[in-house]
């Protein structure tokens, strides 16, 4: 089935031995000596729409990207991260053969 094929592709990318154990660090960006509360900004002339469009693409319909940085119109906010999660989740449901519209 399509679903079994996708799962087997996923397993090619991520096997239990390829995912190292690690500790989780929760940081405060405002006190980090290297970041000091800064944020990224793009230079004048940067191809924002082309780059963000590329970020929305999947890898072999196995790996999906979501987050505020993948929104073309309103990046940088929590609500856009939420909506981009819905977008990527809908793509995954479509890929698995489920009607994603009923979950939005």
C-alpha atoms as a PDB file:
ATOM      1  CA  UNK A   1       0.000   0.000   0.000  1.00  0.00           C
ATOM      2  CA  UNK A   2       0.980   3.646  -0.254  1.00  0.00           C
ATOM      3  CA  UNK A   3       1.208   3.914   3.506  1.00  0.00           C
ATOM      4  CA  UNK A   4       3.582   0.942   3.802  1.00  0.00           C
ATOM      5  CA  UNK A   5       5.773   2.371   1.041  1.00  0.00           C
ATOM      6  CA  UNK A   6       5.989   5.740   2.801  1.00  0.00           C
ATOM      7  CA  UNK A   7       6.822   4.084   6.119  1.00  0.00           C
ATOM      8  CA  UNK A   8       9.570   2.013   4.521  1.00  0.00           C
ATOM      9  CA  UNK A   9      11.030   5.185   2.938  1.00  0.00           C
ATOM     10  CA  UNK A  10      10.848   6.922   6.308  1.00  0.00           C
ATOM     11  CA  UNK A  11      12.704   4.028   7.928  1.00  0.00           C
ATOM     12  CA  UNK A  12      15.490   4.476   5.363  1.00  0.00           C
ATOM     13  CA  UNK A  13      16.051   7.995   6.685  1.00  0.00           C
ATOM     14  CA  UNK A  14      15.528   7.355  10.374  1.00  0.00           C
ATOM     15  CA  UNK A  15      16.572   4.098  11.975  1.00  0.00           C
ATOM     16  CA  UNK A  16      16.784   3.710  15.751  1.00  0.00           C
ATOM     17  CA  UNK A  17      20.580   3.550  15.515  1.00  0.00           C
ATOM     18  CA  UNK A  18      20.729   6.812  13.511  1.00  0.00           C
ATOM     19  CA  UNK A  19      18.961   8.846  16.167  1.00  0.00           C
ATOM     20  CA  UNK A  20      21.437   9.586  18.948  1.00  0.00           C
ATOM     21  CA  UNK A  21      20.321  10.092  22.504  1.00  0.00           C
ATOM     22  CA  UNK A  22      20.819  13.630  23.695  1.00  0.00           C
ATOM     23  CA  UNK A  23      19.930  15.960  26.508  1.00  0.00           C
ATOM     24  CA  UNK A  24      17.397  18.703  25.925  1.00  0.00           C
ATOM     25  CA  UNK A  25      18.462  22.257  26.614  1.00  0.00           C
ATOM     26  CA  UNK A  26      15.827  24.908  27.150  1.00  0.00           C
ATOM     27  CA  UNK A  27      17.463  28.248  26.663  1.00  0.00           C
ATOM     28  CA  UNK A  28      16.573  31.875  27.161  1.00  0.00           C
ATOM     29  CA  UNK A  29      17.501  33.740  23.999  1.00  0.00           C
ATOM     30  CA  UNK A  30      17.662  37.070  25.828  1.00  0.00           C
ATOM     31  CA  UNK A  31      20.406  35.860  28.177  1.00  0.00           C
ATOM     32  CA  UNK A  32      22.400  33.723  25.722  1.00  0.00           C
ATOM     33  CA  UNK A  33      25.836  35.324  25.377  1.00  0.00           C
ATOM     34  CA  UNK A  34      26.014  34.548  21.654  1.00  0.00           C
ATOM     35  CA  UNK A  35      22.488  35.546  20.646  1.00  0.00           C
ATOM     36  CA  UNK A  36      21.597  38.255  23.190  1.00  0.00           C
ATOM     37  CA  UNK A  37      17.982  38.441  22.079  1.00  0.00           C
ATOM     38  CA  UNK A  38      18.860  39.006  18.420  1.00  0.00           C
ATOM     39  CA  UNK A  39      16.829  37.697  15.534  1.00  0.00           C
ATOM     40  CA  UNK A  40      17.614  36.976  11.925  1.00  0.00           C
ATOM     41  CA  UNK A  41      16.932  39.469   9.190  1.00  0.00           C
ATOM     42  CA  UNK A  42      17.301  39.134   5.455  1.00  0.00           C
ATOM     43  CA  UNK A  43      19.243  41.620   3.329  1.00  0.00           C
ATOM     44  CA  UNK A  44      17.620  43.869   0.755  1.00  0.00           C
ATOM     45  CA  UNK A  45      16.995  41.948  -2.451  1.00  0.00           C
ATOM     46  CA  UNK A  46      16.768  38.562  -0.738  1.00  0.00           C
ATOM     47  CA  UNK A  47      14.444  36.149  -2.583  1.00  0.00           C
ATOM     48  CA  UNK A  48      12.106  35.501   0.350  1.00  0.00           C
ATOM     49  CA  UNK A  49       9.277  33.936  -1.629  1.00  0.00           C
ATOM     50  CA  UNK A  50      11.574  31.605  -3.539  1.00  0.00           C
ATOM     51  CA  UNK A  51      13.372  30.440  -0.397  1.00  0.00           C
ATOM     52  CA  UNK A  52      10.256  29.958   1.724  1.00  0.00           C
ATOM     53  CA  UNK A  53       8.589  28.125  -1.143  1.00  0.00           C
ATOM     54  CA  UNK A  54      11.556  25.745  -1.158  1.00  0.00           C
ATOM     55  CA  UNK A  55      11.189  25.205   2.604  1.00  0.00           C
ATOM     56  CA  UNK A  56       7.607  24.023   2.119  1.00  0.00           C
ATOM     57  CA  UNK A  57       8.644  21.160  -0.177  1.00  0.00           C
ATOM     58  CA  UNK A  58       8.781  17.618   1.131  1.00  0.00           C
ATOM     59  CA  UNK A  59      11.683  15.209   0.870  1.00  0.00           C
ATOM     60  CA  UNK A  60      10.481  12.103  -1.002  1.00  0.00           C
ATOM     61  CA  UNK A  61       7.016  12.652   0.514  1.00  0.00           C
ATOM     62  CA  UNK A  62       8.526  11.342   3.747  1.00  0.00           C
ATOM     63  CA  UNK A  63       9.979  14.380   5.505  1.00  0.00           C
ATOM     64  CA  UNK A  64       7.766  17.456   5.934  1.00  0.00           C
ATOM     65  CA  UNK A  65       8.679  20.908   7.175  1.00  0.00           C
ATOM     66  CA  UNK A  66       6.522  23.287   9.174  1.00  0.00           C
ATOM     67  CA  UNK A  67       7.008  26.329  11.377  1.00  0.00           C
ATOM     68  CA  UNK A  68       6.636  30.071  11.291  1.00  0.00           C
ATOM     69  CA  UNK A  69       9.600  30.304   8.918  1.00  0.00           C
ATOM     70  CA  UNK A  70       7.709  28.379   6.209  1.00  0.00           C
ATOM     71  CA  UNK A  71       4.851  30.878   5.936  1.00  0.00           C
ATOM     72  CA  UNK A  72       5.010  33.200   2.927  1.00  0.00           C
ATOM     73  CA  UNK A  73       2.854  35.993   4.272  1.00  0.00           C
ATOM     74  CA  UNK A  74       3.224  36.305   8.040  1.00  0.00           C
ATOM     75  CA  UNK A  75       6.394  34.643   9.307  1.00  0.00           C
ATOM     76  CA  UNK A  76       7.835  35.172  12.740  1.00  0.00           C
ATOM     77  CA  UNK A  77       4.746  34.624  14.871  1.00  0.00           C
ATOM     78  CA  UNK A  78       3.306  31.814  16.968  1.00  0.00           C
ATOM     79  CA  UNK A  79       0.003  31.743  15.094  1.00  0.00           C
ATOM     80  CA  UNK A  80       1.793  31.204  11.790  1.00  0.00           C
ATOM     81  CA  UNK A  81       3.703  28.263  13.302  1.00  0.00           C
ATOM     82  CA  UNK A  82       0.312  26.818  14.304  1.00  0.00           C
ATOM     83  CA  UNK A  83      -1.164  27.276  10.825  1.00  0.00           C
ATOM     84  CA  UNK A  84       1.939  25.875   9.143  1.00  0.00           C
ATOM     85  CA  UNK A  85       1.647  22.794  11.384  1.00  0.00           C
ATOM     86  CA  UNK A  86      -1.902  22.353  10.094  1.00  0.00           C
ATOM     87  CA  UNK A  87      -0.643  22.765   6.512  1.00  0.00           C
ATOM     88  CA  UNK A  88       2.087  20.141   6.906  1.00  0.00           C
ATOM     89  CA  UNK A  89      -0.256  17.816   8.796  1.00  0.00           C
ATOM     90  CA  UNK A  90      -2.750  18.078   5.957  1.00  0.00           C
ATOM     91  CA  UNK A  91      -0.018  17.219   3.449  1.00  0.00           C
ATOM     92  CA  UNK A  92       0.860  14.130   5.498  1.00  0.00           C
ATOM     93  CA  UNK A  93      -2.791  13.045   5.711  1.00  0.00           C
ATOM     94  CA  UNK A  94      -3.159  13.524   1.947  1.00  0.00           C
ATOM     95  CA  UNK A  95      -0.015  11.477   1.371  1.00  0.00           C
ATOM     96  CA  UNK A  96      -1.408   8.660   3.504  1.00  0.00           C
ATOM     97  CA  UNK A  97      -4.703   8.741   1.622  1.00  0.00           C
ATOM     98  CA  UNK A  98      -6.845  10.389   4.296  1.00  0.00           C
ATOM     99  CA  UNK A  99      -9.084  13.344   3.445  1.00  0.00           C
ATOM    100  CA  UNK A 100      -7.243  16.158   5.241  1.00  0.00           C
ATOM    101  CA  UNK A 101     -10.043  18.703   4.852  1.00  0.00           C
ATOM    102  CA  UNK A 102     -12.097  17.137   7.639  1.00  0.00           C
ATOM    103  CA  UNK A 103      -9.313  17.858  10.190  1.00  0.00           C
ATOM    104  CA  UNK A 104      -8.902  21.571   9.521  1.00  0.00           C
END
